[in-house]
Amino acid sequence: MEQYPDSIRRLIRNLAKLPGVGEKTAERLAIHILRRPVAEARDLAESITTVKEKVRLCTRCFGLSDGALCRYCQDSGRNERLLCVVEQPADMIAIEKSGAFNGLYHILGGALAPMEGVGPDDLRLNELLARVRNREVDEIILATGTGVEGETTAGYIARQLADTGVRLSRIASGVPVGGDLKYVDKNTLKCALDGRHAL
């Protein structure tokens, strides 16, 4: 990397700080940016600055937003009585891409992980309970991860909401669409069998 001028080395170092970008990829990206017109490089730099200046958390669901409320919380066509609880904004985006959900969201900001020092007070559980107490929802879908932390978080939330009268459900887990059973691990197959439904 010493072969490059200081300005390119600086760009490579900064790009290499991005997740999943090693020094070689950062070098390729830097050279690509160098070959693009100045207007494109300026637009890239401006879009990064704009994201840092404008993006904040939605005051209702804690999703990413340019304003006080995100686009989903502002959408009057969504079912406001149906709430999907997820760990991170990326989980919300994944559900939105599926096109299978038309309610609102609540983003916890993580999952319970006592070994890593993440307890109930570190998540947005109080805000979720407030939404339930304010009678904003009829049903909550727990869409936390299916690993130990996600299952623990879903179980904790279910216990906290047990006597509220709100209908609780958990996303299904199991065999992926188009999956071949002989390649599915035993735990996933057990979940699929336990969560089977009538046809």
C-alpha atoms as a PDB file:
ATOM      1  CA  MET A   1       0.000   0.000   0.000  1.00  0.00           C
ATOM      2  CA  GLU A   2       3.030   2.276   0.437  1.00  0.00           C
ATOM      3  CA  GLN A   3       3.153   2.588  -3.350  1.00  0.00           C
ATOM      4  CA  TYR A   4       0.059   4.807  -3.379  1.00  0.00           C
ATOM      5  CA  PRO A   5      -0.046   8.538  -2.653  1.00  0.00           C
ATOM      6  CA  ASP A   6      -1.134   9.534   0.869  1.00  0.00           C
ATOM      7  CA  SER A   7      -4.648  10.509  -0.220  1.00  0.00           C
ATOM      8  CA  ILE A   8      -5.335   7.070  -1.727  1.00  0.00           C
ATOM      9  CA  ARG A   9      -3.811   5.283   1.268  1.00  0.00           C
ATOM     10  CA  ARG A  10      -6.103   7.283   3.544  1.00  0.00           C
ATOM     11  CA  LEU A  11      -9.147   6.313   1.449  1.00  0.00           C
ATOM     12  CA  ILE A  12      -8.105   2.639   1.524  1.00  0.00           C
ATOM     13  CA  ARG A  13      -7.668   2.729   5.318  1.00  0.00           C
ATOM     14  CA  ASN A  14     -11.113   4.304   5.768  1.00  0.00           C
ATOM     15  CA  LEU A  15     -12.835   1.874   3.405  1.00  0.00           C
ATOM     16  CA  ALA A  16     -11.151  -1.067   5.158  1.00  0.00           C
ATOM     17  CA  LYS A  17     -12.905  -0.012   8.397  1.00  0.00           C
ATOM     18  CA  LEU A  18     -16.252  -1.014   6.876  1.00  0.00           C
ATOM     19  CA  PRO A  19     -17.590  -4.438   7.931  1.00  0.00           C
ATOM     20  CA  GLY A  20     -16.682  -7.203   5.499  1.00  0.00           C
ATOM     21  CA  VAL A  21     -14.170  -5.033   3.647  1.00  0.00           C
ATOM     22  CA  GLY A  22     -10.575  -6.145   3.874  1.00  0.00           C
ATOM     23  CA  GLU A  23      -7.543  -4.255   2.612  1.00  0.00           C
ATOM     24  CA  LYS A  24      -7.660  -5.814  -0.883  1.00  0.00           C
ATOM     25  CA  THR A  25     -11.343  -4.976  -1.354  1.00  0.00           C
ATOM     26  CA  ALA A  26     -10.749  -1.494   0.038  1.00  0.00           C
ATOM     27  CA  GLU A  27      -7.951  -1.035  -2.484  1.00  0.00           C
ATOM     28  CA  ARG A  28     -10.227  -2.117  -5.377  1.00  0.00           C
ATOM     29  CA  LEU A  29     -12.972   0.231  -4.171  1.00  0.00           C
ATOM     30  CA  ALA A  30     -10.542   3.130  -3.851  1.00  0.00           C
ATOM     31  CA  ILE A  31      -9.239   2.620  -7.382  1.00  0.00           C
ATOM     32  CA  HIS A  32     -12.819   2.330  -8.672  1.00  0.00           C
ATOM     33  CA  ILE A  33     -13.759   5.610  -6.954  1.00  0.00           C
ATOM     34  CA  LEU A  34     -10.632   7.228  -8.396  1.00  0.00           C
ATOM     35  CA  ARG A  35     -11.702   6.232 -11.935  1.00  0.00           C
ATOM     36  CA  ARG A  36     -15.243   7.614 -11.575  1.00  0.00           C
ATOM     37  CA  PRO A  37     -16.108  11.224 -12.445  1.00  0.00           C
ATOM     38  CA  VAL A  38     -15.628  13.788  -9.685  1.00  0.00           C
ATOM     39  CA  ALA A  39     -19.407  14.384  -9.552  1.00  0.00           C
ATOM     40  CA  GLU A  40     -20.017  10.709  -8.656  1.00  0.00           C
ATOM     41  CA  ALA A  41     -17.357  10.775  -5.936  1.00  0.00           C
ATOM     42  CA  ARG A  42     -18.831  13.998  -4.558  1.00  0.00           C
ATOM     43  CA  ASP A  43     -22.332  12.457  -4.596  1.00  0.00           C
ATOM     44  CA  LEU A  44     -21.032   9.394  -2.697  1.00  0.00           C
ATOM     45  CA  ALA A  45     -19.323  11.575  -0.090  1.00  0.00           C
ATOM     46  CA  GLU A  46     -22.420  13.769   0.253  1.00  0.00           C
ATOM     47  CA  SER A  47     -24.735  10.768   0.660  1.00  0.00           C
ATOM     48  CA  ILE A  48     -22.551   9.452   3.509  1.00  0.00           C
ATOM     49  CA  THR A  49     -22.570  12.847   5.227  1.00  0.00           C
ATOM     50  CA  THR A  50     -26.342  13.220   4.723  1.00  0.00           C
ATOM     51  CA  VAL A  51     -27.008   9.810   6.277  1.00  0.00           C
ATOM     52  CA  LYS A  52     -24.961  10.738   9.334  1.00  0.00           C
ATOM     53  CA  GLU A  53     -26.698  14.107   9.677  1.00  0.00           C
ATOM     54  CA  LYS A  54     -30.313  13.152   8.904  1.00  0.00           C
ATOM     55  CA  VAL A  55     -31.002   9.559   9.876  1.00  0.00           C
ATOM     56  CA  ARG A  56     -32.403   9.032  13.357  1.00  0.00           C
ATOM     57  CA  LEU A  57     -34.571   6.503  15.130  1.00  0.00           C
ATOM     58  CA  CYS A  58     -38.316   6.689  14.668  1.00  0.00           C
ATOM     59  CA  THR A  59     -39.901   7.922  17.903  1.00  0.00           C
ATOM     60  CA  ARG A  60     -42.592   5.235  17.700  1.00  0.00           C
ATOM     61  CA  CYS A  61     -40.999   2.000  16.460  1.00  0.00           C
ATOM     62  CA  PHE A  62     -37.262   2.864  16.662  1.00  0.00           C
ATOM     63  CA  GLY A  63     -36.696   2.077  12.995  1.00  0.00           C
ATOM     64  CA  LEU A  64     -34.424   4.196  10.813  1.00  0.00           C
ATOM     65  CA  SER A  65     -35.995   7.430   9.636  1.00  0.00           C
ATOM     66  CA  ASP A  66     -35.226  10.840   8.157  1.00  0.00           C
ATOM     67  CA  GLY A  67     -37.924  12.411  10.353  1.00  0.00           C
ATOM     68  CA  ALA A  68     -39.653  11.912  13.684  1.00  0.00           C
ATOM     69  CA  LEU A  69     -41.704   8.978  12.320  1.00  0.00           C
ATOM     70  CA  CYS A  70     -40.537   6.382   9.812  1.00  0.00           C
ATOM     71  CA  ARG A  71     -42.395   5.700   6.560  1.00  0.00           C
ATOM     72  CA  TYR A  72     -44.143   2.648   8.030  1.00  0.00           C
ATOM     73  CA  CYS A  73     -45.466   4.455  11.107  1.00  0.00           C
ATOM     74  CA  GLN A  74     -46.724   7.269   8.851  1.00  0.00           C
ATOM     75  CA  ASP A  75     -48.520   4.900   6.453  1.00  0.00           C
ATOM     76  CA  SER A  76     -52.259   5.073   7.200  1.00  0.00           C
ATOM     77  CA  GLY A  77     -52.818   1.947   5.094  1.00  0.00           C
ATOM     78  CA  ARG A  78     -51.038  -0.301   7.581  1.00  0.00           C
ATOM     79  CA  ASN A  79     -52.758  -2.306  10.325  1.00  0.00           C
ATOM     80  CA  GLU A  80     -51.905  -0.279  13.436  1.00  0.00           C
ATOM     81  CA  ARG A  81     -53.325  -2.956  15.745  1.00  0.00           C
ATOM     82  CA  LEU A  82     -50.783  -5.573  14.601  1.00  0.00           C
ATOM     83  CA  LEU A  83     -47.234  -5.218  15.909  1.00  0.00           C
ATOM     84  CA  CYS A  84     -44.162  -7.180  14.850  1.00  0.00           C
ATOM     85  CA  VAL A  85     -41.301  -7.174  17.368  1.00  0.00           C
ATOM     86  CA  VAL A  86     -37.814  -7.536  15.878  1.00  0.00           C
ATOM     87  CA  GLU A  87     -34.282  -7.143  17.175  1.00  0.00           C
ATOM     88  CA  GLN A  88     -32.765  -4.709  14.661  1.00  0.00           C
ATOM     89  CA  PRO A  89     -33.821  -2.400  11.797  1.00  0.00           C
ATOM     90  CA  ALA A  90     -32.304  -4.887   9.319  1.00  0.00           C
ATOM     91  CA  ASP A  91     -34.810  -7.512  10.560  1.00  0.00           C
ATOM     92  CA  MET A  92     -37.663  -5.110   9.845  1.00  0.00           C
ATOM     93  CA  ILE A  93     -36.334  -4.507   6.328  1.00  0.00           C
ATOM     94  CA  ALA A  94     -36.101  -8.268   5.710  1.00  0.00           C
ATOM     95  CA  ILE A  95     -39.752  -8.714   6.731  1.00  0.00           C
ATOM     96  CA  GLU A  96     -40.797  -5.770   4.562  1.00  0.00           C
ATOM     97  CA  LYS A  97     -39.020  -7.284   1.554  1.00  0.00           C
ATOM     98  CA  SER A  98     -41.102 -10.437   2.000  1.00  0.00           C
ATOM     99  CA  GLY A  99     -44.291  -8.445   1.406  1.00  0.00           C
ATOM    100  CA  ALA A 100     -46.076 -10.706   3.899  1.00  0.00           C
ATOM    101  CA  PHE A 101     -46.659  -8.186   6.694  1.00  0.00           C
ATOM    102  CA  ASN A 102     -48.746  -5.019   6.738  1.00  0.00           C
ATOM    103  CA  GLY A 103     -48.685  -4.008  10.407  1.00  0.00           C
ATOM    104  CA  LEU A 104     -46.345  -1.844  12.435  1.00  0.00           C
ATOM    105  CA  TYR A 105     -43.039  -2.664  14.115  1.00  0.00           C
ATOM    106  CA  HIS A 106     -41.230  -2.390  17.404  1.00  0.00           C
ATOM    107  CA  ILE A 107     -37.440  -2.646  17.264  1.00  0.00           C
ATOM    108  CA  LEU A 108     -35.823  -3.809  20.488  1.00  0.00           C
ATOM    109  CA  GLY A 109     -32.275  -2.784  19.646  1.00  0.00           C
ATOM    110  CA  GLY A 110     -30.864  -6.256  20.314  1.00  0.00           C
ATOM    111  CA  ALA A 111     -31.614  -9.465  22.169  1.00  0.00           C
ATOM    112  CA  LEU A 112     -31.135 -10.599  25.742  1.00  0.00           C
ATOM    113  CA  ALA A 113     -27.596 -11.894  26.178  1.00  0.00           C
ATOM    114  CA  PRO A 114     -26.679 -12.101  29.884  1.00  0.00           C
ATOM    115  CA  MET A 115     -23.206 -13.481  29.143  1.00  0.00           C
ATOM    116  CA  GLU A 116     -22.495 -10.294  27.157  1.00  0.00           C
ATOM    117  CA  GLY A 117     -24.083  -8.041  29.766  1.00  0.00           C
ATOM    118  CA  VAL A 118     -27.266  -7.332  27.768  1.00  0.00           C
ATOM    119  CA  GLY A 119     -30.270  -7.415  30.090  1.00  0.00           C
ATOM    120  CA  PRO A 120     -33.900  -6.259  29.860  1.00  0.00           C
ATOM    121  CA  ASP A 121     -32.968  -2.661  30.701  1.00  0.00           C
ATOM    122  CA  ASP A 122     -30.645  -2.546  27.675  1.00  0.00           C
ATOM    123  CA  LEU A 123     -33.500  -3.200  25.235  1.00  0.00           C
ATOM    124  CA  ARG A 124     -36.600  -1.167  24.381  1.00  0.00           C
ATOM    125  CA  LEU A 125     -38.857  -3.434  26.418  1.00  0.00           C
ATOM    126  CA  ASN A 126     -40.355  -0.660  28.551  1.00  0.00           C
ATOM    127  CA  GLU A 127     -41.425   1.154  25.391  1.00  0.00           C
ATOM    128  CA  LEU A 128     -43.044  -2.055  24.120  1.00  0.00           C
ATOM    129  CA  LEU A 129     -44.910  -2.512  27.401  1.00  0.00           C
ATOM    130  CA  ALA A 130     -46.064   1.121  27.221  1.00  0.00           C
ATOM    131  CA  ARG A 131     -47.514   0.531  23.746  1.00  0.00           C
ATOM    132  CA  VAL A 132     -49.426  -2.449  25.107  1.00  0.00           C
ATOM    133  CA  ARG A 133     -50.616  -0.580  28.222  1.00  0.00           C
ATOM    134  CA  ASN A 134     -51.812   2.295  26.032  1.00  0.00           C
ATOM    135  CA  ARG A 135     -53.935  -0.258  24.171  1.00  0.00           C
ATOM    136  CA  GLU A 136     -52.270   0.495  20.852  1.00  0.00           C
ATOM    137  CA  VAL A 137     -52.164  -3.169  19.746  1.00  0.00           C
ATOM    138  CA  ASP A 138     -54.330  -6.291  19.616  1.00  0.00           C
ATOM    139  CA  GLU A 139     -51.677  -8.779  18.469  1.00  0.00           C
ATOM    140  CA  ILE A 140     -47.918  -8.980  18.769  1.00  0.00           C
ATOM    141  CA  ILE A 141     -45.816 -11.196  16.538  1.00  0.00           C
ATOM    142  CA  LEU A 142     -42.478 -12.028  18.135  1.00  0.00           C
ATOM    143  CA  ALA A 143     -39.980 -12.143  15.277  1.00  0.00           C
ATOM    144  CA  THR A 144     -36.735 -12.263  17.231  1.00  0.00           C
ATOM    145  CA  GLY A 145     -33.971 -14.577  16.052  1.00  0.00           C
ATOM    146  CA  THR A 146     -34.202 -18.337  16.422  1.00  0.00           C
ATOM    147  CA  GLY A 147     -30.881 -18.652  18.257  1.00  0.00           C
ATOM    148  CA  VAL A 148     -30.558 -18.888  22.030  1.00  0.00           C
ATOM    149  CA  GLU A 149     -30.645 -15.100  22.557  1.00  0.00           C
ATOM    150  CA  GLY A 150     -33.653 -14.595  20.273  1.00  0.00           C
ATOM    151  CA  GLU A 151     -35.608 -17.447  21.871  1.00  0.00           C
ATOM    152  CA  THR A 152     -34.755 -16.168  25.347  1.00  0.00           C
ATOM    153  CA  THR A 153     -35.913 -12.683  24.379  1.00  0.00           C
ATOM    154  CA  ALA A 154     -39.186 -13.991  22.914  1.00  0.00           C
ATOM    155  CA  GLY A 155     -39.821 -16.057  26.055  1.00  0.00           C
ATOM    156  CA  TYR A 156     -39.119 -13.087  28.310  1.00  0.00           C
ATOM    157  CA  ILE A 157     -41.480 -10.833  26.344  1.00  0.00           C
ATOM    158  CA  ALA A 158     -44.177 -13.515  26.363  1.00  0.00           C
ATOM    159  CA  ARG A 159     -43.952 -13.750  30.153  1.00  0.00           C
ATOM    160  CA  GLN A 160     -44.101  -9.970  30.539  1.00  0.00           C
ATOM    161  CA  LEU A 161     -47.193  -9.738  28.341  1.00  0.00           C
ATOM    162  CA  ALA A 162     -48.944 -12.897  29.572  1.00  0.00           C
ATOM    163  CA  ASP A 163     -51.689 -11.121  31.519  1.00  0.00           C
ATOM    164  CA  THR A 164     -52.257  -8.150  29.196  1.00  0.00           C
ATOM    165  CA  GLY A 165     -54.890  -9.765  26.989  1.00  0.00           C
ATOM    166  CA  VAL A 166     -52.840  -9.067  23.866  1.00  0.00           C
ATOM    167  CA  ARG A 167     -52.679 -12.012  21.466  1.00  0.00           C
ATOM    168  CA  LEU A 168     -49.081 -13.254  21.152  1.00  0.00           C
ATOM    169  CA  SER A 169     -47.630 -15.317  18.343  1.00  0.00           C
ATOM    170  CA  ARG A 170     -44.134 -16.397  17.323  1.00  0.00           C
ATOM    171  CA  ILE A 171     -42.793 -16.580  13.790  1.00  0.00           C
ATOM    172  CA  ALA A 172     -42.505 -20.115  12.489  1.00  0.00           C
ATOM    173  CA  SER A 173     -39.131 -21.719  11.936  1.00  0.00           C
ATOM    174  CA  GLY A 174     -38.134 -24.820  10.082  1.00  0.00           C
ATOM    175  CA  VAL A 175     -37.416 -26.119   6.601  1.00  0.00           C
ATOM    176  CA  PRO A 176     -36.692 -23.340   4.083  1.00  0.00           C
ATOM    177  CA  VAL A 177     -38.842 -23.124   0.952  1.00  0.00           C
ATOM    178  CA  GLY A 178     -37.240 -25.296  -1.701  1.00  0.00           C
ATOM    179  CA  GLY A 179     -35.110 -27.039   0.941  1.00  0.00           C
ATOM    180  CA  ASP A 180     -34.219 -30.701   0.704  1.00  0.00           C
ATOM    181  CA  LEU A 181     -34.986 -32.578   3.935  1.00  0.00           C
ATOM    182  CA  LYS A 182     -31.820 -34.664   3.821  1.00  0.00           C
ATOM    183  CA  TYR A 183     -29.739 -31.469   4.164  1.00  0.00           C
ATOM    184  CA  VAL A 184     -31.740 -29.958   7.048  1.00  0.00           C
ATOM    185  CA  ASP A 185     -30.169 -30.222  10.514  1.00  0.00           C
ATOM    186  CA  LYS A 186     -32.083 -32.106  13.217  1.00  0.00           C
ATOM    187  CA  ASN A 187     -32.958 -29.027  15.306  1.00  0.00           C
ATOM    188  CA  THR A 188     -34.445 -27.199  12.328  1.00  0.00           C
ATOM    189  CA  LEU A 189     -36.378 -30.315  11.333  1.00  0.00           C
ATOM    190  CA  LYS A 190     -37.681 -30.694  14.898  1.00  0.00           C
ATOM    191  CA  CYS A 191     -38.891 -27.064  14.846  1.00  0.00           C
ATOM    192  CA  ALA A 192     -40.597 -27.675  11.530  1.00  0.00           C
ATOM    193  CA  LEU A 193     -42.387 -30.745  12.840  1.00  0.00           C
ATOM    194  CA  ASP A 194     -43.357 -29.075  16.121  1.00  0.00           C
ATOM    195  CA  GLY A 195     -44.718 -26.044  14.243  1.00  0.00           C
ATOM    196  CA  ARG A 196     -46.630 -27.971  11.602  1.00  0.00           C
ATOM    197  CA  HIS A 197     -50.090 -26.756  10.576  1.00  0.00           C
ATOM    198  CA  ALA A 198     -53.186 -28.346   9.073  1.00  0.00           C
ATOM    199  CA  LEU A 199     -53.797 -28.213   5.341  1.00  0.00           C
END
